[in-house]
Amino acid sequence: MRLCPTVCAIAAGVAMVFSSGGATAQIINSAPAQAPAQAAPQTSPQTGQVRLFHRTQIIVKFADGAEPGAVMAAAVAGDRESYRDGAAFDFAAQSTGATLVDLSAAAIQTESNVGRFGVERIGGTESSRTQPLDALIERLNADPRVEYAQKNYLMQPFQSSDLINDIIGGRKPPNDPYLEFQWHLKRHGDSLTADSAPGAVNFPAAWEKHTPQRNVVVAVIDTGQLYDHDDVNSALLLPGYDFVSDPFVGNDGDGRDADATDVGDASGIDDCFPGSQASDSSWHGSHVSGIAGLASTDNDLGIASPVPSGIAFVPIRALGRCGGYTTDLVDAVLWAAGFEVPGAPPNQNPALVINASFGGPSAGCDPAFRDALAQLKAKGAVLVAAAGNETDDSQYYSPSGCTDAFTVAASDMMGALAPYSNFGDKVDILAPGGDVSQDLNGDDYADGILSIVADGYSFYNGTSMAAPLVSAAIALALTHNPGWSVDDAMRRLTSSAMARSGTQCAEPCGAGLMDVSGLLDY
């Protein structure tokens, strides 16, 4: 095998940038020539960002006693140019108590003449053909028979990548050969050495103390799982589910089913909206689960897991081509925690820790996620949410801007806030997310987070990579301390975090850089 240079191949990231005056889109590559400078705090999501949404579906939570048909009929009566008189609506109950309302039969404009997804540009003017939907939602939110109404947005993973399927290296205990490239799992130190880094978070110290006293289930809601990768520890896999309801998004020819396999999220030119570029499959879900602990350890192959034992994984597919719908993601969150979801079989292995390495710009926490996370908190589970990669305030993203999420910002190899990471008062903690634009330790590989992808391994960077390390740390603490609740583990994680200076975090980055060594002292 050959030893690659720093960048063998650059896979396109998933973040999208739009010019404020036009519809031309570009994909942000993972390794810019220079790290972007940190922007000033925003008072709203950054101008030019976009959200995709379903053109003929909205999420409505009707007040108790309200008759949905009558409410919707009154709402569409205000716009006969856009909605037919007397048309039927399709109502689908959601696990949050809200209802997914399909307007296909009532809408005069259909998918065939306006495109598959709507495009909402933050800080810009929307196309006139999406304005009727906004006006309808405004009328619904003004109706006392409605608690809230919102679009069914698509959300995307938070990562970018540097593919290195051919790396090789020497062995260090554990005997996984690529452990030397997993700088985030090393001992925290003041300088870069073979076994330490200023941005490392002390997993070796925790491994020395770890004695699992119970099994903890972690759910990863993402693009699904690569089951046949040689470095996936299949013994840790529990039955999962595919919550992608739209066959186009699912890219697998069907809707929801019990197969959580990641079939790829590649998209072609104009697939997501006019002007969108083609992108390769990210295998994002397997990269995330590998970071969280699904990689086999001490198997003379690939990477090591941050959690030696005591955990199991429920893989849940809710992201696909162009992203994932709010309704699918919310159902996935609740099913992961053991709540009943209409049409899905019961989850026999409810998770205490649910990883959410996805999100999208928002005026705040989307109401649908707010309801779901309140139910999660009441049950004693937690959603660990990636803060986002827009160098922006995380309060303007969902679900990371939700009060009941445990929100994670990303740090680089030196332990400073990564140049792409979101920040702000909603962030709870900082964890390694990497920076593939740098090679600070001079090993000829980008300073990303190494994990599993199809046919090999890849360095990615992003808050998507930081979140599963926090999920792993919480699970590690819970396995070792059987009397702890999730809240106990989160409190200990934040109280033991390593404080950051104003230079290391020019913007708020939570309690500091997490330190796993203090989690197992009880």
Protein backbone atom coordinates (compact mmCIF):
# COMPACT_ATOMS: atom_id res chain seq x y z
CA MET A 1 0.00 0.00 0.00
CA ARG A 2 1.20 3.50 -0.67
CA LEU A 3 1.50 6.32 1.84
CA CYS A 4 -0.67 9.17 0.63
CA PRO A 5 0.26 12.84 0.77
CA THR A 6 -1.78 15.15 2.98
CA VAL A 7 -4.68 15.25 0.55
CA CYS A 8 -5.19 12.12 -1.56
CA ALA A 9 -8.63 13.23 -2.70
CA ILE A 10 -10.98 15.91 -1.52
CA ALA A 11 -14.62 14.93 -1.23
CA ALA A 12 -17.13 17.74 -1.44
CA GLY A 13 -18.59 18.89 1.86
CA VAL A 14 -22.28 19.23 2.48
CA ALA A 15 -22.41 22.88 3.47
CA MET A 16 -23.84 25.06 0.71
CA VAL A 17 -23.11 28.71 -0.02
CA PHE A 18 -25.26 30.99 -2.11
CA SER A 19 -24.57 34.40 -3.51
CA SER A 20 -26.99 36.92 -2.08
CA GLY A 21 -28.07 38.09 -5.49
CA GLY A 22 -28.49 34.85 -7.38
CA ALA A 23 -29.32 31.19 -7.34
CA THR A 24 -25.90 29.79 -8.19
CA ALA A 25 -24.78 27.28 -5.56
CA GLN A 26 -21.38 25.91 -4.77
CA ILE A 27 -20.21 23.15 -2.49
CA ILE A 28 -17.61 24.09 0.11
CA ASN A 29 -14.52 21.92 -0.28
CA SER A 30 -13.04 20.56 2.90
CA ALA A 31 -9.50 21.89 2.59
CA PRO A 32 -9.36 25.60 1.73
CA ALA A 33 -5.95 27.16 1.20
CA GLN A 34 -6.35 29.10 4.43
CA ALA A 35 -8.57 28.62 7.45
CA PRO A 36 -11.45 31.11 7.28
CA ALA A 37 -11.30 33.97 9.73
CA GLN A 38 -13.83 33.93 12.55
CA ALA A 39 -16.80 36.15 11.85
CA ALA A 40 -18.42 38.56 14.25
CA PRO A 41 -21.44 37.22 16.17
CA GLN A 42 -24.60 37.25 14.14
CA THR A 43 -28.03 38.46 15.20
CA SER A 44 -29.68 35.94 12.87
CA PRO A 45 -28.51 33.10 10.61
CA GLN A 46 -26.00 34.32 8.07
CA THR A 47 -27.40 35.99 4.97
CA GLY A 48 -27.21 33.77 1.91
CA GLN A 49 -27.70 30.45 3.71
CA VAL A 50 -30.53 28.29 2.49
CA ARG A 51 -33.03 25.78 3.80
CA LEU A 52 -34.74 23.26 1.58
CA PHE A 53 -38.32 22.32 2.38
CA HIS A 54 -41.18 20.21 1.05
CA ARG A 55 -43.41 22.36 -1.15
CA THR A 56 -46.69 20.66 -0.29
CA GLN A 57 -46.19 19.48 3.30
CA ILE A 58 -46.39 21.45 6.53
CA ILE A 59 -46.25 20.48 10.18
CA VAL A 60 -49.20 21.70 12.25
CA LYS A 61 -49.92 21.16 15.92
CA PHE A 62 -53.63 21.67 16.37
CA ALA A 63 -54.99 22.77 19.73
CA ASP A 64 -56.96 20.26 21.76
CA GLY A 65 -60.51 19.96 20.44
CA ALA A 66 -59.73 21.60 17.10
CA GLU A 67 -61.03 19.88 13.97
CA PRO A 68 -58.07 19.76 11.56
CA GLY A 69 -60.16 19.72 8.39
CA ALA A 70 -62.10 22.81 9.39
CA VAL A 71 -58.93 24.66 10.41
CA MET A 72 -57.19 23.90 7.14
CA ALA A 73 -60.25 24.74 5.05
CA ALA A 74 -60.45 28.15 6.69
CA ALA A 75 -56.73 28.75 6.18
CA VAL A 76 -56.66 27.95 2.46
CA ALA A 77 -59.86 29.93 1.86
CA GLY A 78 -57.71 33.03 2.17
CA ASP A 79 -55.87 32.22 -1.07
CA ARG A 80 -57.99 30.81 -3.88
CA GLU A 81 -55.28 31.53 -6.45
CA SER A 82 -53.04 28.96 -4.80
CA TYR A 83 -55.43 26.45 -3.21
CA ARG A 84 -58.55 24.74 -4.59
CA ASP A 85 -61.92 25.10 -2.93
CA GLY A 86 -63.22 21.88 -1.39
CA ALA A 87 -60.03 19.88 -1.90
CA ALA A 88 -59.15 17.20 0.61
CA PHE A 89 -56.12 17.25 2.89
CA ASP A 90 -54.03 14.26 3.94
CA PHE A 91 -53.36 14.19 7.68
CA ALA A 92 -50.65 12.01 9.26
CA ALA A 93 -50.28 11.95 13.04
CA GLN A 94 -46.73 12.57 14.30
CA SER A 95 -45.15 11.18 17.44
CA THR A 96 -44.84 14.70 18.93
CA GLY A 97 -48.61 15.20 18.84
CA ALA A 98 -48.34 17.38 15.76
CA THR A 99 -49.79 16.50 12.34
CA LEU A 100 -48.10 16.32 8.96
CA VAL A 101 -50.51 17.99 6.53
CA ASP A 102 -50.12 17.16 2.84
CA LEU A 103 -51.47 19.92 0.60
CA SER A 104 -50.89 18.12 -2.72
CA ALA A 105 -54.59 17.78 -3.56
CA ALA A 106 -55.34 21.39 -2.62
CA ALA A 107 -52.31 23.16 -4.11
CA ILE A 108 -52.79 24.50 -7.63
CA GLN A 109 -49.03 24.49 -8.25
CA THR A 110 -47.54 21.01 -8.11
CA GLU A 111 -44.10 19.46 -7.93
CA SER A 112 -44.00 18.98 -11.68
CA ASN A 113 -43.94 22.69 -12.42
CA VAL A 114 -42.07 24.21 -9.47
CA GLY A 115 -39.29 21.71 -8.66
CA ARG A 116 -38.94 19.02 -6.04
CA PHE A 117 -37.91 21.15 -3.05
CA GLY A 118 -38.55 24.73 -2.10
CA VAL A 119 -35.53 26.94 -1.46
CA GLU A 120 -35.64 29.46 1.37
CA ARG A 121 -32.83 32.01 1.33
CA ILE A 122 -32.02 33.64 4.63
CA GLY A 123 -31.80 37.40 4.30
CA GLY A 124 -33.04 37.30 0.71
CA THR A 125 -36.31 37.34 -1.19
CA GLU A 126 -37.97 34.01 -1.75
CA SER A 127 -39.39 33.00 -5.09
CA SER A 128 -42.98 34.17 -5.52
CA ARG A 129 -44.12 30.60 -5.89
CA THR A 130 -43.14 29.80 -2.28
CA GLN A 131 -44.84 32.84 -0.80
CA PRO A 132 -48.33 31.28 -0.72
CA LEU A 133 -47.01 28.59 1.61
CA ASP A 134 -45.51 31.23 3.92
CA ALA A 135 -48.78 33.15 3.93
CA LEU A 136 -50.72 29.96 4.70
CA ILE A 137 -48.42 29.21 7.66
CA GLU A 138 -48.82 32.78 8.88
CA ARG A 139 -52.63 32.43 8.81
CA LEU A 140 -52.44 29.13 10.65
CA ASN A 141 -50.18 30.56 13.37
CA ALA A 142 -52.68 33.39 13.86
CA ASP A 143 -55.53 30.90 14.38
CA PRO A 144 -56.20 30.17 18.10
CA ARG A 145 -57.01 26.57 17.11
CA VAL A 146 -53.32 26.09 16.15
CA GLU A 147 -50.40 25.85 18.58
CA TYR A 148 -47.85 26.15 15.78
CA ALA A 149 -47.36 25.60 12.06
CA GLN A 150 -44.06 25.31 10.20
CA LYS A 151 -42.52 24.08 6.98
CA ASN A 152 -41.21 20.52 6.71
CA TYR A 153 -37.56 21.48 6.33
CA LEU A 154 -34.69 19.27 5.24
CA MET A 155 -31.58 19.22 7.42
CA GLN A 156 -28.06 18.19 6.47
CA PRO A 157 -25.02 16.58 8.09
CA PHE A 158 -22.36 18.89 9.54
CA GLN A 159 -19.06 17.65 8.09
CA SER A 160 -16.46 17.97 5.37
CA SER A 161 -13.84 15.44 4.39
CA ASP A 162 -10.38 14.49 3.25
CA LEU A 163 -10.47 10.94 1.88
CA ILE A 164 -7.47 8.73 2.69
CA ASN A 165 -8.37 5.13 1.98
CA ASP A 166 -4.72 4.03 1.66
CA ILE A 167 -3.05 5.20 4.88
CA ILE A 168 -0.74 2.89 6.76
CA GLY A 169 1.10 3.30 10.03
CA GLY A 170 2.86 1.68 12.97
CA ARG A 171 1.18 -0.02 15.92
CA LYS A 172 0.60 1.28 19.41
CA PRO A 173 -1.60 -0.23 22.14
CA PRO A 174 -4.40 -0.92 21.42
CA ASN A 175 -3.09 -2.68 18.33
CA ASP A 176 -5.28 -0.81 15.82
CA PRO A 177 -2.70 0.49 13.31
CA TYR A 178 -4.40 3.84 12.65
CA LEU A 179 -4.68 4.78 16.33
CA GLU A 180 -1.61 6.99 15.87
CA PHE A 181 -3.67 9.20 13.56
CA GLN A 182 -6.48 9.51 16.14
CA TRP A 183 -4.94 12.50 17.91
CA HIS A 184 -8.27 13.27 19.57
CA LEU A 185 -8.02 10.03 21.61
CA LYS A 186 -4.55 10.81 22.99
CA ARG A 187 -3.43 12.27 26.29
CA HIS A 188 -3.97 16.01 26.72
CA GLY A 189 -0.64 17.82 26.79
CA ASP A 190 0.84 21.27 26.34
CA SER A 191 2.62 20.35 23.10
CA LEU A 192 2.29 18.00 20.16
CA THR A 193 4.07 14.70 20.81
CA ALA A 194 3.64 11.11 19.69
CA ASP A 195 1.14 10.40 22.47
CA SER A 196 -0.30 13.82 23.36
CA ALA A 197 -1.86 16.94 21.87
CA PRO A 198 -3.23 20.20 23.32
CA GLY A 199 -6.55 19.36 21.66
CA ALA A 200 -6.72 15.76 22.92
CA VAL A 201 -9.19 14.96 25.69
CA ASN A 202 -7.56 12.24 27.81
CA PHE A 203 -9.32 9.06 26.73
CA PRO A 204 -6.29 6.89 27.72
CA ALA A 205 -6.66 7.98 31.37
CA ALA A 206 -10.30 6.97 31.28
CA TRP A 207 -9.51 3.61 29.69
CA GLU A 208 -7.22 2.76 32.62
CA LYS A 209 -10.06 3.27 35.10
CA HIS A 210 -13.02 2.00 33.09
CA THR A 211 -14.98 -0.94 34.51
CA PRO A 212 -18.38 -1.31 32.85
CA GLN A 213 -21.17 -1.84 35.36
CA ARG A 214 -24.07 -1.74 32.90
CA ASN A 215 -24.77 -1.60 29.18
CA VAL A 216 -25.72 1.75 27.65
CA VAL A 217 -27.46 2.14 24.30
CA VAL A 218 -26.36 4.92 21.95
CA ALA A 219 -28.48 5.80 18.91
CA VAL A 220 -26.92 7.46 15.88
CA ILE A 221 -29.44 9.29 13.69
CA ASP A 222 -27.77 9.90 10.38
CA THR A 223 -27.39 8.53 6.83
CA GLY A 224 -27.49 4.93 8.04
CA GLN A 225 -24.84 2.31 8.67
CA LEU A 226 -22.29 0.44 6.57
CA TYR A 227 -22.78 -3.03 8.03
CA ASP A 228 -20.18 -4.81 5.91
CA HIS A 229 -17.15 -2.65 6.73
CA ASP A 230 -14.34 -4.82 8.13
CA ASP A 231 -13.74 -2.47 11.07
CA VAL A 232 -17.35 -2.25 12.26
CA ASN A 233 -17.92 -4.17 15.49
CA SER A 234 -21.09 -6.01 14.47
CA ALA A 235 -21.45 -7.46 17.98
CA LEU A 236 -22.40 -3.98 19.20
CA LEU A 237 -25.15 -3.43 16.61
CA LEU A 238 -28.80 -3.59 17.67
CA PRO A 239 -31.78 -3.50 15.27
CA GLY A 240 -32.20 -0.11 13.66
CA TYR A 241 -34.72 1.54 11.35
CA ASP A 242 -34.92 3.61 8.18
CA PHE A 243 -37.15 6.66 8.75
CA VAL A 244 -36.60 8.26 5.33
CA SER A 245 -40.14 8.49 3.96
CA ASP A 246 -39.38 10.01 0.54
CA PRO A 247 -37.93 7.44 -1.92
CA PHE A 248 -36.04 10.20 -3.74
CA VAL A 249 -34.30 11.30 -0.55
CA GLY A 250 -33.82 7.69 0.51
CA ASN A 251 -32.07 6.81 -2.75
CA ASP A 252 -33.09 3.19 -2.14
CA GLY A 253 -36.35 2.94 -4.07
CA ASP A 254 -38.66 2.70 -1.07
CA GLY A 255 -39.85 4.51 2.03
CA ARG A 256 -39.60 3.64 5.71
CA ASP A 257 -38.53 0.12 6.62
CA ALA A 258 -36.40 -1.87 9.06
CA ASP A 259 -33.22 -1.66 6.95
CA ALA A 260 -30.93 1.12 8.23
CA THR A 261 -28.21 0.40 5.65
CA ASP A 262 -26.49 3.48 4.22
CA VAL A 263 -26.96 3.13 0.46
CA GLY A 264 -25.26 6.47 -0.20
CA ASP A 265 -26.48 10.05 -0.30
CA ALA A 266 -24.93 11.05 -3.63
CA SER A 267 -26.85 13.60 -5.66
CA GLY A 268 -26.68 14.78 -9.25
CA ILE A 269 -26.64 18.26 -10.75
CA ASP A 270 -29.91 20.11 -9.97
CA ASP A 271 -31.20 17.18 -7.85
CA CYS A 272 -31.77 19.27 -4.74
CA PHE A 273 -32.70 22.59 -6.37
CA PRO A 274 -31.90 24.43 -9.60
CA GLY A 275 -28.19 25.14 -9.55
CA SER A 276 -27.21 22.54 -6.97
CA GLN A 277 -24.04 20.68 -7.85
CA ALA A 278 -23.40 16.96 -7.88
CA SER A 279 -21.93 15.43 -4.71
CA ASP A 280 -20.51 12.04 -3.85
CA SER A 281 -21.83 9.85 -1.07
CA SER A 282 -20.49 10.95 2.30
CA TRP A 283 -21.02 7.74 4.34
CA HIS A 284 -21.51 10.26 7.11
CA GLY A 285 -23.46 7.94 9.43
CA SER A 286 -20.73 5.31 9.57
CA HIS A 287 -18.04 7.95 10.07
CA VAL A 288 -20.03 9.30 13.02
CA SER A 289 -20.78 5.90 14.56
CA GLY A 290 -17.12 4.89 14.21
CA ILE A 291 -16.12 7.98 16.20
CA ALA A 292 -18.76 7.24 18.83
CA GLY A 293 -17.45 3.73 19.47
CA LEU A 294 -18.71 1.28 16.84
CA ALA A 295 -15.24 0.67 15.42
CA SER A 296 -13.64 -2.61 16.49
CA THR A 297 -10.71 -2.26 18.88
CA ASP A 298 -7.66 -4.51 19.29
CA ASN A 299 -8.37 -6.27 15.99
CA ASP A 300 -5.12 -5.39 14.20
CA LEU A 301 -7.14 -3.26 11.80
CA GLY A 302 -7.99 0.38 11.25
CA ILE A 303 -9.05 2.65 14.09
CA ALA A 304 -9.77 2.24 17.80
CA SER A 305 -12.97 2.97 19.73
CA PRO A 306 -13.12 5.61 22.50
CA VAL A 307 -15.26 3.26 24.63
CA PRO A 308 -13.66 -0.13 25.41
CA SER A 309 -16.89 -1.93 26.36
CA GLY A 310 -20.35 -1.56 27.84
CA ILE A 311 -22.14 0.14 24.94
CA ALA A 312 -24.33 -0.92 22.03
CA PHE A 313 -25.60 1.01 19.02
CA VAL A 314 -28.97 1.52 17.36
CA PRO A 315 -28.34 2.84 13.81
CA ILE A 316 -31.17 5.02 12.52
CA ARG A 317 -31.37 6.30 8.97
CA ALA A 318 -33.13 9.65 8.57
CA LEU A 319 -30.79 11.51 6.19
CA GLY A 320 -30.29 10.81 2.51
CA ARG A 321 -29.99 12.61 -0.80
CA CYS A 322 -30.29 16.38 -0.19
CA GLY A 323 -30.71 15.90 3.58
CA GLY A 324 -33.58 14.76 5.74
CA TYR A 325 -37.08 16.03 6.51
CA THR A 326 -37.89 17.48 9.92
CA THR A 327 -40.75 14.99 10.29
CA ASP A 328 -38.47 12.02 9.61
CA LEU A 329 -35.79 13.30 11.97
CA VAL A 330 -38.23 14.05 14.79
CA ASP A 331 -39.80 10.60 14.49
CA ALA A 332 -36.30 9.10 14.52
CA VAL A 333 -35.42 10.99 17.71
CA LEU A 334 -38.50 9.81 19.55
CA TRP A 335 -38.27 6.23 18.30
CA ALA A 336 -34.63 6.13 19.39
CA ALA A 337 -35.69 6.91 22.96
CA GLY A 338 -38.41 4.25 22.94
CA PHE A 339 -41.47 6.34 22.18
CA GLU A 340 -44.18 4.93 19.95
CA VAL A 341 -44.06 6.21 16.38
CA PRO A 342 -47.03 5.55 14.08
CA GLY A 343 -46.22 2.92 11.47
CA ALA A 344 -42.89 1.88 13.01
CA PRO A 345 -42.33 -1.21 15.16
CA PRO A 346 -41.46 -0.59 18.83
CA ASN A 347 -37.81 0.04 19.57
CA GLN A 348 -36.92 -2.76 21.97
CA ASN A 349 -33.61 -1.07 22.86
CA PRO A 350 -34.30 2.55 23.89
CA ALA A 351 -31.23 4.78 23.88
CA LEU A 352 -30.13 7.04 26.71
CA VAL A 353 -27.75 8.92 24.39
CA ILE A 354 -28.87 10.03 20.92
CA ASN A 355 -26.34 11.57 18.55
CA ALA A 356 -27.56 14.27 16.15
CA SER A 357 -24.77 15.34 13.78
CA PHE A 358 -27.16 17.29 11.58
CA GLY A 359 -29.13 20.51 11.54
CA GLY A 360 -30.06 23.60 9.62
CA PRO A 361 -30.43 27.38 9.99
CA SER A 362 -33.53 28.54 11.80
CA ALA A 363 -34.96 31.50 13.66
CA GLY A 364 -34.41 29.36 16.76
CA CYS A 365 -35.40 25.90 17.88
CA ASP A 366 -37.95 24.49 15.42
CA PRO A 367 -41.23 23.84 17.31
CA ALA A 368 -41.30 20.21 16.19
CA PHE A 369 -37.86 19.61 17.70
CA ARG A 370 -38.75 21.59 20.81
CA ASP A 371 -41.67 19.25 21.51
CA ALA A 372 -39.61 16.13 20.80
CA LEU A 373 -36.70 17.17 23.03
CA ALA A 374 -39.05 18.03 25.90
CA GLN A 375 -40.35 14.45 25.74
CA LEU A 376 -36.79 13.15 25.59
CA LYS A 377 -35.75 15.11 28.66
CA ALA A 378 -38.78 13.90 30.63
CA LYS A 379 -37.72 10.32 29.88
CA GLY A 380 -34.13 10.87 31.02
CA ALA A 381 -32.46 10.68 27.60
CA VAL A 382 -30.42 13.33 25.81
CA LEU A 383 -29.90 14.53 22.25
CA VAL A 384 -26.24 15.40 21.70
CA ALA A 385 -26.37 17.97 18.89
CA ALA A 386 -23.66 19.27 16.57
CA ALA A 387 -23.54 23.07 16.84
CA GLY A 388 -23.08 23.61 13.09
CA ASN A 389 -20.25 24.62 10.76
CA GLU A 390 -21.15 28.15 9.70
CA THR A 391 -18.94 30.25 12.05
CA ASP A 392 -22.21 31.57 13.45
CA ASP A 393 -24.23 31.68 16.66
CA SER A 394 -25.73 28.23 17.26
CA GLN A 395 -28.94 29.69 18.69
CA TYR A 396 -30.00 30.30 15.08
CA TYR A 397 -29.81 26.61 14.17
CA SER A 398 -31.97 23.63 14.95
CA PRO A 399 -31.77 21.32 16.82
CA SER A 400 -28.51 22.75 18.26
CA GLY A 401 -30.33 25.93 19.29
CA CYS A 402 -32.89 24.01 21.35
CA THR A 403 -32.72 24.44 25.12
CA ASP A 404 -33.03 20.72 25.81
CA ALA A 405 -30.24 19.69 23.40
CA PHE A 406 -26.69 19.17 24.65
CA THR A 407 -24.86 21.23 22.06
CA VAL A 408 -21.27 20.61 20.99
CA ALA A 409 -18.86 23.02 19.29
CA ALA A 410 -15.71 21.78 17.53
CA SER A 411 -12.06 22.34 18.43
CA ASP A 412 -8.85 21.84 16.47
CA MET A 413 -5.71 19.87 17.33
CA MET A 414 -4.49 22.72 19.56
CA GLY A 415 -7.71 22.81 21.57
CA ALA A 416 -8.99 26.09 20.13
CA LEU A 417 -12.41 26.71 18.64
CA ALA A 418 -12.22 25.44 15.05
CA PRO A 419 -12.50 28.22 12.43
CA TYR A 420 -15.72 26.79 10.95
CA SER A 421 -17.49 25.94 14.22
CA ASN A 422 -20.65 27.60 15.43
CA PHE A 423 -20.50 29.05 18.93
CA GLY A 424 -22.61 31.01 21.41
CA ASP A 425 -24.51 30.72 24.64
CA LYS A 426 -26.40 27.63 23.47
CA VAL A 427 -23.13 25.66 23.26
CA ASP A 428 -22.60 23.36 26.26
CA ILE A 429 -19.13 22.00 25.59
CA LEU A 430 -16.20 21.95 23.17
CA ALA A 431 -14.84 18.71 21.71
CA PRO A 432 -12.38 17.72 18.96
CA GLY A 433 -13.79 18.23 15.48
CA GLY A 434 -10.51 18.71 13.62
CA ASP A 435 -9.38 21.04 10.88
CA VAL A 436 -8.42 19.45 7.55
CA SER A 437 -6.88 22.71 6.34
CA GLN A 438 -3.97 22.14 8.73
CA ASP A 439 -1.20 19.61 9.40
CA LEU A 440 0.14 20.96 12.68
CA ASN A 441 1.87 17.75 13.78
CA GLY A 442 3.63 17.36 10.43
CA ASP A 443 2.60 13.74 9.82
CA ASP A 444 1.60 14.48 6.21
CA TYR A 445 -2.09 13.97 7.00
CA ALA A 446 -4.72 16.63 7.50
CA ASP A 447 -5.71 17.29 11.12
CA GLY A 448 -9.23 15.93 10.79
CA ILE A 449 -10.98 13.16 12.71
CA LEU A 450 -10.30 9.73 11.22
CA SER A 451 -13.14 7.23 10.94
CA ILE A 452 -14.96 4.73 8.77
CA VAL A 453 -16.29 5.30 5.23
CA ALA A 454 -17.06 2.91 2.38
CA ASP A 455 -13.99 0.85 1.41
CA GLY A 456 -11.73 2.47 3.97
CA TYR A 457 -11.27 5.44 6.27
CA SER A 458 -11.42 9.21 5.93
CA PHE A 459 -10.39 12.35 7.78
CA TYR A 460 -13.45 14.59 8.17
CA ASN A 461 -13.78 17.79 10.13
CA GLY A 462 -16.89 19.35 11.57
CA THR A 463 -19.11 19.63 14.60
CA SER A 464 -20.53 16.36 13.24
CA MET A 465 -17.27 14.76 14.41
CA ALA A 466 -17.21 16.53 17.78
CA ALA A 467 -20.73 15.48 18.80
CA PRO A 468 -20.14 11.68 18.69
CA LEU A 469 -17.04 12.08 20.88
CA VAL A 470 -19.26 13.71 23.48
CA SER A 471 -21.87 10.97 23.01
CA ALA A 472 -19.08 8.44 23.61
CA ALA A 473 -17.91 10.25 26.74
CA ILE A 474 -21.41 10.37 28.23
CA ALA A 475 -21.91 6.67 27.46
CA LEU A 476 -18.51 5.85 28.97
CA ALA A 477 -19.46 7.63 32.20
CA LEU A 478 -22.86 5.92 32.38
CA THR A 479 -21.39 2.43 31.90
CA HIS A 480 -18.88 3.01 34.69
CA ASN A 481 -21.28 4.74 37.12
CA PRO A 482 -24.51 2.68 37.20
CA GLY A 483 -26.19 5.06 39.64
CA TRP A 484 -25.74 8.07 37.39
CA SER A 485 -28.47 9.61 35.30
CA VAL A 486 -27.79 11.24 31.96
CA ASP A 487 -28.01 14.62 33.70
CA ASP A 488 -25.37 13.49 36.21
CA ALA A 489 -23.01 12.55 33.39
CA MET A 490 -23.55 15.83 31.55
CA ARG A 491 -23.02 17.87 34.72
CA ARG A 492 -19.77 16.02 35.44
CA LEU A 493 -18.62 16.47 31.85
CA THR A 494 -19.16 20.23 31.92
CA SER A 495 -17.80 20.73 35.45
CA SER A 496 -14.56 18.89 34.61
CA ALA A 497 -14.04 20.62 31.24
CA MET A 498 -10.75 22.41 30.60
CA ALA A 499 -11.35 26.17 30.58
CA ARG A 500 -10.49 28.04 27.38
CA SER A 501 -8.86 31.45 27.13
CA GLY A 502 -10.17 34.31 25.06
CA THR A 503 -7.56 33.46 22.46
CA GLN A 504 -8.61 29.81 22.31
CA CYS A 505 -12.30 30.70 22.12
CA ALA A 506 -12.86 34.21 20.84
CA GLU A 507 -16.59 33.46 21.02
CA PRO A 508 -18.50 31.51 23.70
CA CYS A 509 -17.71 27.79 23.42
CA GLY A 510 -19.45 26.32 26.44
CA ALA A 511 -17.82 25.05 29.62
CA GLY A 512 -14.54 24.42 27.82
CA LEU A 513 -12.74 21.52 26.17
CA MET A 514 -14.07 18.25 27.52
CA ASP A 515 -11.75 16.14 29.70
CA VAL A 516 -12.77 12.49 29.82
CA SER A 517 -10.31 11.59 32.59
CA GLY A 518 -12.50 13.10 35.31
CA LEU A 519 -15.62 11.16 34.39
CA LEU A 520 -14.61 7.91 36.06
CA ASP A 521 -13.39 9.15 39.44
CA TYR A 522 -16.52 7.96 41.25
